[in-house]
Amino acid sequence: MNSDSLPQAIDHLFALLEQRRIDYVLVGGIALLTYIEGRNTQDIDLIMAVSALQALPEIAVTRNDPYFARGQFEGLQIDLLLTENLLFEQVRQRYVTTRHFHERDIPTATVAGLLLLKLYALPSLYRQGDFARVGIYENDVATLLYDYPMSMGQLLEELARHLPATDMTEVRTIVAEIEQRITRFRQGQAPTT
């Protein structure tokens, strides 16, 4: 897709979602752009129900799994996290705010919601050996936690309801390592006397 046509396709998609009164939440790289700078993405990620996707025949579905779908809309790749997954539904219900994007107010995952989704995906990405995406997701988590410090205890408890114990062990290790890096970085920035 030509990067110049990306904003136009996104604007058309949001207009269509608004016109059809589709319940959705913006997540992924574009949602991250509403909180932090420097994230590059060429697709859009949304949480929505299967019924909502069925009400959008303009999206040409190219992949459809029980919890994920991928489609094309005016050359824009759309990755859909389907609410049949209980964590995705939980983010849609409890971790959403309104952010201004593309001259519209868009229902967008909160920082906590984005962290839940990124951490949920990491064990699977490790198993797939997808080093590039692991790096991107870990950097997203680190950047969000750096810019929006928060206690991770409650989020990790929430996540533990949706991941096996072995995956949670890995997630806790990842979070601890990221928190240590942030602490080291902040200490390195401390003014010397």
N, C-alpha and C. Protein backbone atom coordinates (compact mmCIF):
# COMPACT_ATOMS: atom_id res chain seq x y z
N MET A 1 0.84 -1.19 0.00
CA MET A 1 0.00 0.00 0.00
C MET A 1 0.87 1.24 0.00
N ASN A 2 0.51 2.21 -0.78
CA ASN A 2 1.19 3.49 -0.81
C ASN A 2 0.91 4.20 0.51
N SER A 3 1.98 4.64 1.20
CA SER A 3 1.79 5.26 2.51
C SER A 3 1.00 6.56 2.42
N ASP A 4 0.96 7.19 1.25
CA ASP A 4 0.16 8.40 1.09
C ASP A 4 -1.34 8.09 1.13
N SER A 5 -1.74 6.88 0.72
CA SER A 5 -3.16 6.53 0.71
C SER A 5 -3.62 5.95 2.05
N LEU A 6 -2.67 5.66 2.95
CA LEU A 6 -3.02 5.11 4.26
C LEU A 6 -3.98 6.00 5.03
N PRO A 7 -3.70 7.30 5.20
CA PRO A 7 -4.64 8.14 5.95
C PRO A 7 -6.04 8.18 5.34
N GLN A 8 -6.13 8.18 4.01
CA GLN A 8 -7.43 8.22 3.36
C GLN A 8 -8.21 6.93 3.63
N ALA A 9 -7.56 5.78 3.52
CA ALA A 9 -8.22 4.50 3.79
C ALA A 9 -8.66 4.40 5.24
N ILE A 10 -7.81 4.87 6.16
CA ILE A 10 -8.18 4.85 7.58
C ILE A 10 -9.39 5.74 7.82
N ASP A 11 -9.39 6.93 7.22
CA ASP A 11 -10.51 7.84 7.39
C ASP A 11 -11.80 7.22 6.84
N HIS A 12 -11.72 6.57 5.67
CA HIS A 12 -12.90 5.91 5.11
C HIS A 12 -13.40 4.79 6.01
N LEU A 13 -12.44 4.03 6.58
CA LEU A 13 -12.82 2.94 7.47
C LEU A 13 -13.53 3.47 8.71
N PHE A 14 -12.98 4.50 9.35
CA PHE A 14 -13.61 5.05 10.54
C PHE A 14 -14.98 5.64 10.22
N ALA A 15 -15.12 6.26 9.05
CA ALA A 15 -16.42 6.80 8.64
C ALA A 15 -17.44 5.67 8.48
N LEU A 16 -17.01 4.56 7.88
CA LEU A 16 -17.90 3.42 7.70
C LEU A 16 -18.30 2.81 9.04
N LEU A 17 -17.34 2.66 9.94
CA LEU A 17 -17.64 2.12 11.27
C LEU A 17 -18.64 3.01 12.00
N GLU A 18 -18.45 4.31 11.89
CA GLU A 18 -19.37 5.26 12.53
C GLU A 18 -20.76 5.20 11.89
N GLN A 19 -20.80 5.18 10.57
CA GLN A 19 -22.07 5.15 9.84
C GLN A 19 -22.87 3.90 10.18
N ARG A 20 -22.20 2.77 10.30
CA ARG A 20 -22.89 1.50 10.59
C ARG A 20 -23.08 1.26 12.08
N ARG A 21 -22.56 2.18 12.89
CA ARG A 21 -22.64 2.06 14.36
C ARG A 21 -22.02 0.76 14.86
N ILE A 22 -20.85 0.47 14.32
CA ILE A 22 -20.11 -0.74 14.69
C ILE A 22 -19.37 -0.50 16.00
N ASP A 23 -19.52 -1.44 16.92
CA ASP A 23 -18.81 -1.39 18.20
C ASP A 23 -17.41 -1.97 17.97
N TYR A 24 -16.38 -1.16 18.20
CA TYR A 24 -14.99 -1.59 17.98
C TYR A 24 -14.09 -0.84 18.94
N VAL A 25 -12.86 -1.32 19.07
CA VAL A 25 -11.83 -0.63 19.84
C VAL A 25 -10.54 -0.66 19.03
N LEU A 26 -9.92 0.48 18.87
CA LEU A 26 -8.64 0.58 18.18
C LEU A 26 -7.54 0.08 19.11
N VAL A 27 -6.71 -0.84 18.60
CA VAL A 27 -5.58 -1.38 19.36
C VAL A 27 -4.38 -1.41 18.42
N GLY A 28 -3.27 -2.00 18.86
CA GLY A 28 -2.12 -2.17 17.99
C GLY A 28 -1.31 -0.91 17.81
N GLY A 29 -0.52 -0.90 16.73
CA GLY A 29 0.44 0.17 16.48
C GLY A 29 -0.18 1.55 16.35
N ILE A 30 -1.32 1.64 15.68
CA ILE A 30 -1.94 2.96 15.52
C ILE A 30 -2.48 3.46 16.85
N ALA A 31 -3.03 2.56 17.67
CA ALA A 31 -3.45 2.97 19.01
C ALA A 31 -2.26 3.46 19.81
N LEU A 32 -1.12 2.77 19.67
CA LEU A 32 0.09 3.19 20.38
C LEU A 32 0.51 4.60 19.98
N LEU A 33 0.30 4.95 18.71
CA LEU A 33 0.66 6.28 18.23
C LEU A 33 -0.11 7.39 18.95
N THR A 34 -1.26 7.06 19.51
CA THR A 34 -2.00 8.08 20.24
C THR A 34 -1.41 8.32 21.63
N TYR A 35 -0.48 7.45 22.07
CA TYR A 35 0.16 7.57 23.37
C TYR A 35 1.65 7.88 23.30
N ILE A 36 2.34 7.31 22.32
CA ILE A 36 3.79 7.45 22.23
C ILE A 36 4.19 7.79 20.80
N GLU A 37 5.36 8.38 20.66
CA GLU A 37 5.88 8.70 19.33
C GLU A 37 6.80 7.59 18.85
N GLY A 38 7.01 7.57 17.55
CA GLY A 38 8.04 6.72 17.00
C GLY A 38 7.62 5.31 16.64
N ARG A 39 6.36 4.98 16.74
CA ARG A 39 5.90 3.64 16.38
C ARG A 39 5.50 3.67 14.92
N ASN A 40 6.00 2.74 14.14
CA ASN A 40 5.72 2.67 12.71
C ASN A 40 4.76 1.51 12.45
N THR A 41 3.76 1.74 11.65
CA THR A 41 2.84 0.66 11.31
C THR A 41 2.19 0.95 9.98
N GLN A 42 1.84 -0.09 9.27
CA GLN A 42 1.17 0.05 7.98
C GLN A 42 -0.19 -0.65 7.98
N ASP A 43 -0.64 -1.08 9.15
CA ASP A 43 -1.95 -1.73 9.22
C ASP A 43 -2.72 -1.14 10.40
N ILE A 44 -3.94 -1.60 10.55
CA ILE A 44 -4.77 -1.15 11.65
C ILE A 44 -5.29 -2.38 12.37
N ASP A 45 -5.34 -2.29 13.69
CA ASP A 45 -5.79 -3.41 14.51
C ASP A 45 -7.03 -2.97 15.29
N LEU A 46 -8.06 -3.79 15.24
CA LEU A 46 -9.32 -3.49 15.93
C LEU A 46 -9.79 -4.70 16.70
N ILE A 47 -10.44 -4.45 17.83
CA ILE A 47 -11.19 -5.50 18.51
C ILE A 47 -12.64 -5.31 18.10
N MET A 48 -13.28 -6.41 17.69
CA MET A 48 -14.71 -6.36 17.38
C MET A 48 -15.30 -7.76 17.39
N ALA A 49 -16.60 -7.82 17.42
CA ALA A 49 -17.31 -9.10 17.40
C ALA A 49 -17.41 -9.63 15.97
N VAL A 50 -17.59 -10.93 15.85
CA VAL A 50 -17.77 -11.54 14.54
C VAL A 50 -18.98 -10.94 13.84
N SER A 51 -20.04 -10.69 14.58
CA SER A 51 -21.25 -10.11 13.99
C SER A 51 -20.96 -8.72 13.40
N ALA A 52 -20.08 -7.97 14.04
CA ALA A 52 -19.70 -6.66 13.51
C ALA A 52 -18.92 -6.81 12.21
N LEU A 53 -18.03 -7.78 12.18
CA LEU A 53 -17.27 -8.04 10.95
C LEU A 53 -18.20 -8.44 9.81
N GLN A 54 -19.20 -9.24 10.13
CA GLN A 54 -20.16 -9.66 9.11
C GLN A 54 -20.98 -8.49 8.57
N ALA A 55 -21.10 -7.44 9.34
CA ALA A 55 -21.83 -6.25 8.90
C ALA A 55 -20.96 -5.32 8.05
N LEU A 56 -19.74 -5.76 7.76
CA LEU A 56 -18.80 -4.96 6.98
C LEU A 56 -18.30 -5.74 5.76
N PRO A 57 -19.16 -5.99 4.78
CA PRO A 57 -18.73 -6.76 3.61
C PRO A 57 -17.64 -6.05 2.80
N GLU A 58 -17.43 -4.77 3.05
CA GLU A 58 -16.37 -4.03 2.36
C GLU A 58 -14.99 -4.51 2.78
N ILE A 59 -14.89 -5.18 3.92
CA ILE A 59 -13.62 -5.75 4.35
C ILE A 59 -13.51 -7.14 3.76
N ALA A 60 -12.56 -7.33 2.87
CA ALA A 60 -12.34 -8.63 2.23
C ALA A 60 -11.50 -9.48 3.19
N VAL A 61 -12.14 -10.45 3.83
CA VAL A 61 -11.46 -11.29 4.82
C VAL A 61 -10.54 -12.27 4.11
N THR A 62 -9.26 -12.26 4.51
CA THR A 62 -8.26 -13.14 3.91
C THR A 62 -7.83 -14.25 4.87
N ARG A 63 -8.14 -14.08 6.14
CA ARG A 63 -7.82 -15.10 7.16
C ARG A 63 -8.88 -14.99 8.24
N ASN A 64 -9.36 -16.15 8.71
CA ASN A 64 -10.39 -16.13 9.73
C ASN A 64 -10.18 -17.32 10.65
N ASP A 65 -9.75 -17.04 11.87
CA ASP A 65 -9.58 -18.04 12.91
C ASP A 65 -10.62 -17.76 14.00
N PRO A 66 -10.73 -18.65 14.99
CA PRO A 66 -11.73 -18.40 16.04
C PRO A 66 -11.55 -17.05 16.76
N TYR A 67 -10.29 -16.61 16.96
CA TYR A 67 -10.05 -15.38 17.71
C TYR A 67 -9.47 -14.25 16.89
N PHE A 68 -9.06 -14.52 15.66
CA PHE A 68 -8.41 -13.51 14.83
C PHE A 68 -8.96 -13.56 13.41
N ALA A 69 -8.96 -12.41 12.78
CA ALA A 69 -9.27 -12.34 11.35
C ALA A 69 -8.37 -11.28 10.74
N ARG A 70 -8.12 -11.41 9.47
CA ARG A 70 -7.34 -10.42 8.74
C ARG A 70 -8.13 -10.10 7.48
N GLY A 71 -8.12 -8.83 7.12
CA GLY A 71 -8.83 -8.43 5.92
C GLY A 71 -8.17 -7.24 5.26
N GLN A 72 -8.71 -6.90 4.11
CA GLN A 72 -8.25 -5.75 3.34
C GLN A 72 -9.41 -4.79 3.14
N PHE A 73 -9.12 -3.51 3.27
CA PHE A 73 -10.11 -2.47 3.02
C PHE A 73 -9.40 -1.35 2.29
N GLU A 74 -9.73 -1.14 1.03
CA GLU A 74 -9.11 -0.10 0.21
C GLU A 74 -7.60 -0.18 0.27
N GLY A 75 -7.06 -1.40 0.25
CA GLY A 75 -5.63 -1.61 0.27
C GLY A 75 -5.01 -1.57 1.66
N LEU A 76 -5.80 -1.27 2.67
CA LEU A 76 -5.34 -1.22 4.05
C LEU A 76 -5.51 -2.59 4.69
N GLN A 77 -4.44 -3.11 5.30
CA GLN A 77 -4.57 -4.38 6.03
C GLN A 77 -5.19 -4.11 7.39
N ILE A 78 -6.19 -4.91 7.73
CA ILE A 78 -6.86 -4.79 9.02
C ILE A 78 -6.72 -6.11 9.74
N ASP A 79 -6.15 -6.06 10.94
CA ASP A 79 -6.07 -7.23 11.80
C ASP A 79 -7.14 -7.09 12.87
N LEU A 80 -7.96 -8.11 12.99
CA LEU A 80 -9.10 -8.07 13.90
C LEU A 80 -8.92 -9.06 15.03
N LEU A 81 -9.05 -8.59 16.24
CA LEU A 81 -9.05 -9.43 17.42
C LEU A 81 -10.51 -9.61 17.79
N LEU A 82 -10.98 -10.83 17.68
CA LEU A 82 -12.41 -11.10 17.82
C LEU A 82 -12.79 -11.32 19.28
N THR A 83 -13.94 -10.82 19.65
CA THR A 83 -14.36 -10.83 21.05
C THR A 83 -14.74 -12.22 21.56
N GLU A 84 -14.67 -13.23 20.71
CA GLU A 84 -14.84 -14.60 21.20
C GLU A 84 -13.71 -14.97 22.16
N ASN A 85 -12.58 -14.30 22.02
CA ASN A 85 -11.49 -14.45 22.98
C ASN A 85 -11.86 -13.60 24.20
N LEU A 86 -11.90 -14.24 25.37
CA LEU A 86 -12.37 -13.55 26.57
C LEU A 86 -11.50 -12.37 26.98
N LEU A 87 -10.19 -12.44 26.74
CA LEU A 87 -9.34 -11.29 27.06
C LEU A 87 -9.67 -10.12 26.13
N PHE A 88 -9.84 -10.40 24.85
CA PHE A 88 -10.17 -9.32 23.92
C PHE A 88 -11.50 -8.66 24.31
N GLU A 89 -12.46 -9.47 24.69
CA GLU A 89 -13.75 -8.93 25.14
C GLU A 89 -13.57 -8.11 26.41
N GLN A 90 -12.72 -8.58 27.30
CA GLN A 90 -12.45 -7.84 28.55
C GLN A 90 -11.83 -6.49 28.24
N VAL A 91 -10.87 -6.44 27.32
CA VAL A 91 -10.27 -5.17 26.94
C VAL A 91 -11.34 -4.26 26.33
N ARG A 92 -12.18 -4.82 25.48
CA ARG A 92 -13.25 -4.02 24.84
C ARG A 92 -14.20 -3.43 25.88
N GLN A 93 -14.48 -4.16 26.93
CA GLN A 93 -15.43 -3.69 27.94
C GLN A 93 -14.79 -2.78 28.99
N ARG A 94 -13.59 -3.11 29.44
CA ARG A 94 -13.05 -2.45 30.64
C ARG A 94 -11.84 -1.56 30.40
N TYR A 95 -11.17 -1.71 29.28
CA TYR A 95 -9.92 -0.98 29.07
C TYR A 95 -10.00 -0.13 27.80
N VAL A 96 -10.98 0.75 27.76
CA VAL A 96 -11.18 1.58 26.57
C VAL A 96 -11.39 3.03 27.00
N THR A 97 -10.88 3.92 26.18
CA THR A 97 -11.05 5.35 26.37
C THR A 97 -11.27 5.96 24.98
N THR A 98 -11.49 7.22 24.94
CA THR A 98 -11.65 7.91 23.65
C THR A 98 -10.39 8.74 23.40
N ARG A 99 -9.81 8.55 22.23
CA ARG A 99 -8.62 9.31 21.83
C ARG A 99 -8.93 10.00 20.50
N HIS A 100 -8.36 11.17 20.32
CA HIS A 100 -8.57 11.92 19.08
C HIS A 100 -7.54 11.45 18.05
N PHE A 101 -8.03 10.99 16.92
CA PHE A 101 -7.16 10.47 15.87
C PHE A 101 -7.85 10.69 14.53
N HIS A 102 -7.12 11.19 13.57
CA HIS A 102 -7.66 11.44 12.23
C HIS A 102 -8.93 12.29 12.28
N GLU A 103 -8.87 13.36 13.06
CA GLU A 103 -9.98 14.31 13.17
C GLU A 103 -11.26 13.68 13.72
N ARG A 104 -11.12 12.56 14.43
CA ARG A 104 -12.28 11.88 15.02
C ARG A 104 -11.95 11.46 16.45
N ASP A 105 -12.99 11.28 17.22
CA ASP A 105 -12.85 10.67 18.53
C ASP A 105 -13.06 9.18 18.35
N ILE A 106 -12.02 8.40 18.67
CA ILE A 106 -11.99 6.97 18.37
C ILE A 106 -11.94 6.18 19.68
N PRO A 107 -12.79 5.15 19.83
CA PRO A 107 -12.65 4.28 21.00
C PRO A 107 -11.33 3.51 20.88
N THR A 108 -10.47 3.72 21.85
CA THR A 108 -9.10 3.22 21.80
C THR A 108 -8.77 2.51 23.11
N ALA A 109 -7.99 1.46 23.02
CA ALA A 109 -7.56 0.76 24.23
C ALA A 109 -6.74 1.71 25.09
N THR A 110 -6.92 1.59 26.40
CA THR A 110 -6.10 2.35 27.34
C THR A 110 -4.68 1.80 27.33
N VAL A 111 -3.79 2.49 28.00
CA VAL A 111 -2.42 1.98 28.13
C VAL A 111 -2.45 0.59 28.76
N ALA A 112 -3.24 0.41 29.82
CA ALA A 112 -3.35 -0.90 30.48
C ALA A 112 -3.88 -1.94 29.51
N GLY A 113 -4.87 -1.59 28.68
CA GLY A 113 -5.39 -2.52 27.70
C GLY A 113 -4.36 -2.92 26.67
N LEU A 114 -3.59 -1.94 26.20
CA LEU A 114 -2.53 -2.25 25.23
C LEU A 114 -1.47 -3.15 25.85
N LEU A 115 -1.11 -2.88 27.11
CA LEU A 115 -0.14 -3.74 27.79
C LEU A 115 -0.66 -5.17 27.91
N LEU A 116 -1.92 -5.33 28.28
CA LEU A 116 -2.50 -6.67 28.37
C LEU A 116 -2.39 -7.41 27.05
N LEU A 117 -2.73 -6.74 25.96
CA LEU A 117 -2.71 -7.38 24.64
C LEU A 117 -1.29 -7.73 24.20
N LYS A 118 -0.35 -6.83 24.42
CA LYS A 118 1.04 -7.09 24.04
C LYS A 118 1.62 -8.25 24.85
N LEU A 119 1.38 -8.23 26.16
CA LEU A 119 1.92 -9.29 27.01
C LEU A 119 1.26 -10.63 26.73
N TYR A 120 0.00 -10.62 26.40
CA TYR A 120 -0.74 -11.84 26.04
C TYR A 120 -0.12 -12.49 24.81
N ALA A 121 0.31 -11.67 23.86
CA ALA A 121 0.84 -12.19 22.59
C ALA A 121 2.27 -12.69 22.70
N LEU A 122 3.05 -12.16 23.63
CA LEU A 122 4.48 -12.46 23.65
C LEU A 122 4.83 -13.95 23.78
N PRO A 123 4.24 -14.73 24.68
CA PRO A 123 4.62 -16.15 24.74
C PRO A 123 4.42 -16.88 23.41
N SER A 124 3.34 -16.58 22.73
CA SER A 124 3.08 -17.20 21.43
C SER A 124 4.14 -16.79 20.41
N LEU A 125 4.52 -15.52 20.42
CA LEU A 125 5.54 -15.05 19.48
C LEU A 125 6.88 -15.72 19.76
N TYR A 126 7.20 -15.92 21.04
CA TYR A 126 8.42 -16.65 21.39
C TYR A 126 8.36 -18.08 20.84
N ARG A 127 7.22 -18.76 21.02
CA ARG A 127 7.10 -20.14 20.52
C ARG A 127 7.23 -20.20 19.01
N GLN A 128 6.74 -19.18 18.32
CA GLN A 128 6.82 -19.13 16.86
C GLN A 128 8.22 -18.77 16.38
N GLY A 129 9.07 -18.32 17.29
CA GLY A 129 10.41 -17.89 16.90
C GLY A 129 10.41 -16.61 16.10
N ASP A 130 9.41 -15.75 16.32
CA ASP A 130 9.26 -14.51 15.57
C ASP A 130 10.03 -13.39 16.28
N PHE A 131 11.35 -13.43 16.13
CA PHE A 131 12.22 -12.53 16.86
C PHE A 131 11.90 -11.06 16.58
N ALA A 132 11.60 -10.72 15.34
CA ALA A 132 11.34 -9.33 14.99
C ALA A 132 10.11 -8.81 15.73
N ARG A 133 9.02 -9.58 15.72
CA ARG A 133 7.81 -9.13 16.42
C ARG A 133 7.99 -9.15 17.92
N VAL A 134 8.74 -10.11 18.46
CA VAL A 134 9.05 -10.12 19.89
C VAL A 134 9.72 -8.80 20.27
N GLY A 135 10.69 -8.39 19.49
CA GLY A 135 11.39 -7.14 19.76
C GLY A 135 10.47 -5.93 19.72
N ILE A 136 9.59 -5.89 18.73
CA ILE A 136 8.65 -4.78 18.60
C ILE A 136 7.71 -4.75 19.80
N TYR A 137 7.14 -5.91 20.15
CA TYR A 137 6.17 -5.97 21.25
C TYR A 137 6.84 -5.64 22.58
N GLU A 138 8.05 -6.18 22.81
CA GLU A 138 8.73 -5.86 24.07
C GLU A 138 9.07 -4.38 24.13
N ASN A 139 9.47 -3.80 23.02
CA ASN A 139 9.75 -2.36 22.99
C ASN A 139 8.48 -1.56 23.24
N ASP A 140 7.35 -1.99 22.67
CA ASP A 140 6.08 -1.31 22.93
C ASP A 140 5.77 -1.33 24.42
N VAL A 141 5.92 -2.49 25.05
CA VAL A 141 5.66 -2.61 26.49
C VAL A 141 6.60 -1.70 27.27
N ALA A 142 7.88 -1.73 26.93
CA ALA A 142 8.87 -0.91 27.64
C ALA A 142 8.57 0.57 27.48
N THR A 143 8.23 0.99 26.29
CA THR A 143 7.96 2.41 26.04
C THR A 143 6.71 2.86 26.78
N LEU A 144 5.67 2.04 26.75
CA LEU A 144 4.45 2.39 27.48
C LEU A 144 4.71 2.48 28.98
N LEU A 145 5.44 1.49 29.52
CA LEU A 145 5.72 1.51 30.96
C LEU A 145 6.65 2.66 31.34
N TYR A 146 7.54 3.05 30.46
CA TYR A 146 8.41 4.19 30.73
C TYR A 146 7.61 5.49 30.77
N ASP A 147 6.76 5.67 29.77
CA ASP A 147 5.99 6.92 29.67
C ASP A 147 4.79 6.95 30.61
N TYR A 148 4.25 5.79 30.96
CA TYR A 148 3.06 5.69 31.80
C TYR A 148 3.33 4.68 32.93
N PRO A 149 4.18 5.04 33.89
CA PRO A 149 4.52 4.10 34.95
C PRO A 149 3.28 3.63 35.69
N MET A 150 3.25 2.34 35.99
CA MET A 150 2.13 1.77 36.75
C MET A 150 2.57 0.49 37.42
N SER A 151 1.88 0.15 38.47
CA SER A 151 2.11 -1.13 39.12
C SER A 151 1.50 -2.21 38.25
N MET A 152 2.26 -3.24 37.99
CA MET A 152 1.80 -4.27 37.07
C MET A 152 1.05 -5.42 37.74
N GLY A 153 0.99 -5.43 39.08
CA GLY A 153 0.38 -6.55 39.80
C GLY A 153 -1.02 -6.88 39.35
N GLN A 154 -1.90 -5.90 39.30
CA GLN A 154 -3.30 -6.13 38.93
C GLN A 154 -3.42 -6.59 37.48
N LEU A 155 -2.64 -5.98 36.59
CA LEU A 155 -2.69 -6.39 35.19
C LEU A 155 -2.22 -7.82 35.01
N LEU A 156 -1.16 -8.20 35.74
CA LEU A 156 -0.68 -9.57 35.63
C LEU A 156 -1.69 -10.56 36.20
N GLU A 157 -2.41 -10.17 37.24
CA GLU A 157 -3.48 -11.03 37.76
C GLU A 157 -4.57 -11.21 36.70
N GLU A 158 -4.94 -10.13 36.05
CA GLU A 158 -5.94 -10.20 34.97
C GLU A 158 -5.46 -11.13 33.86
N LEU A 159 -4.23 -10.96 33.46
CA LEU A 159 -3.66 -11.76 32.39
C LEU A 159 -3.60 -13.24 32.76
N ALA A 160 -3.35 -13.53 34.03
CA ALA A 160 -3.24 -14.92 34.49
C ALA A 160 -4.56 -15.69 34.31
N ARG A 161 -5.67 -14.98 34.19
CA ARG A 161 -6.96 -15.64 33.93
C ARG A 161 -7.07 -16.12 32.48
N HIS A 162 -6.14 -15.68 31.64
CA HIS A 162 -6.26 -15.95 30.20
C HIS A 162 -5.06 -16.69 29.61
N LEU A 163 -4.04 -16.92 30.42
CA LEU A 163 -2.84 -17.61 29.94
C LEU A 163 -2.51 -18.79 30.84
N PRO A 164 -1.92 -19.85 30.27
CA PRO A 164 -1.46 -20.96 31.11
C PRO A 164 -0.34 -20.50 32.06
N ALA A 165 -0.16 -21.24 33.14
CA ALA A 165 0.83 -20.89 34.16
C ALA A 165 2.23 -20.76 33.58
N THR A 166 2.59 -21.65 32.64
CA THR A 166 3.94 -21.57 32.06
C THR A 166 4.13 -20.27 31.27
N ASP A 167 3.09 -19.85 30.55
CA ASP A 167 3.18 -18.58 29.83
C ASP A 167 3.26 -17.41 30.80
N MET A 168 2.52 -17.50 31.91
CA MET A 168 2.55 -16.41 32.89
C MET A 168 3.93 -16.29 33.52
N THR A 169 4.59 -17.39 33.75
CA THR A 169 5.95 -17.35 34.29
C THR A 169 6.85 -16.57 33.33
N GLU A 170 6.71 -16.86 32.05
CA GLU A 170 7.50 -16.16 31.04
C GLU A 170 7.16 -14.67 31.00
N VAL A 171 5.86 -14.35 31.06
CA VAL A 171 5.43 -12.95 31.03
C VAL A 171 5.97 -12.20 32.25
N ARG A 172 5.89 -12.81 33.42
CA ARG A 172 6.40 -12.16 34.63
C ARG A 172 7.91 -11.88 34.50
N THR A 173 8.64 -12.81 33.91
CA THR A 173 10.07 -12.62 33.69
C THR A 173 10.32 -11.46 32.73
N ILE A 174 9.56 -11.41 31.65
CA ILE A 174 9.70 -10.32 30.67
C ILE A 174 9.43 -8.97 31.33
N VAL A 175 8.35 -8.89 32.09
CA VAL A 175 7.99 -7.63 32.74
C VAL A 175 9.07 -7.22 33.73
N ALA A 176 9.58 -8.17 34.52
CA ALA A 176 10.63 -7.86 35.49
C ALA A 176 11.88 -7.33 34.78
N GLU A 177 12.26 -7.96 33.67
CA GLU A 177 13.42 -7.50 32.91
C GLU A 177 13.21 -6.09 32.36
N ILE A 178 12.02 -5.83 31.84
CA ILE A 178 11.72 -4.49 31.30
C ILE A 178 11.75 -3.46 32.42
N GLU A 179 11.16 -3.78 33.56
CA GLU A 179 11.17 -2.84 34.68
C GLU A 179 12.60 -2.57 35.15
N GLN A 180 13.45 -3.59 35.14
CA GLN A 180 14.85 -3.38 35.52
C GLN A 180 15.57 -2.47 34.53
N ARG A 181 15.29 -2.67 33.24
CA ARG A 181 15.90 -1.80 32.21
C ARG A 181 15.47 -0.35 32.40
N ILE A 182 14.18 -0.16 32.69
CA ILE A 182 13.66 1.20 32.90
C ILE A 182 14.34 1.83 34.11
N THR A 183 14.47 1.07 35.18
CA THR A 183 15.13 1.58 36.39
C THR A 183 16.58 1.96 36.09
N ARG A 184 17.30 1.08 35.38
CA ARG A 184 18.70 1.39 35.02
C ARG A 184 18.77 2.65 34.15
N PHE A 185 17.86 2.76 33.22
CA PHE A 185 17.86 3.92 32.32
C PHE A 185 17.59 5.20 33.11
N ARG A 186 16.62 5.16 33.99
CA ARG A 186 16.29 6.36 34.79
C ARG A 186 17.44 6.72 35.71
N GLN A 187 18.11 5.73 36.27
CA GLN A 187 19.26 6.02 37.14
C GLN A 187 20.40 6.62 36.34
N GLY A 188 20.56 6.17 35.10
CA GLY A 188 21.59 6.71 34.23
C GLY A 188 21.33 8.14 33.84
N GLN A 189 20.07 8.56 33.89
CA GLN A 189 19.71 9.94 33.55
C GLN A 189 19.75 10.87 34.75
N ALA A 190 19.93 10.32 35.94
CA ALA A 190 19.94 11.15 37.13
C ALA A 190 21.08 12.15 37.06
N PRO A 191 20.80 13.38 37.43
CA PRO A 191 21.87 14.40 37.40
C PRO A 191 22.94 14.07 38.42
N THR A 192 24.18 14.30 38.04
CA THR A 192 25.28 14.07 38.97
C THR A 192 25.60 15.36 39.70
N THR A 193 26.00 15.18 40.94
CA THR A 193 26.31 16.39 41.73
C THR A 193 27.78 16.54 41.92
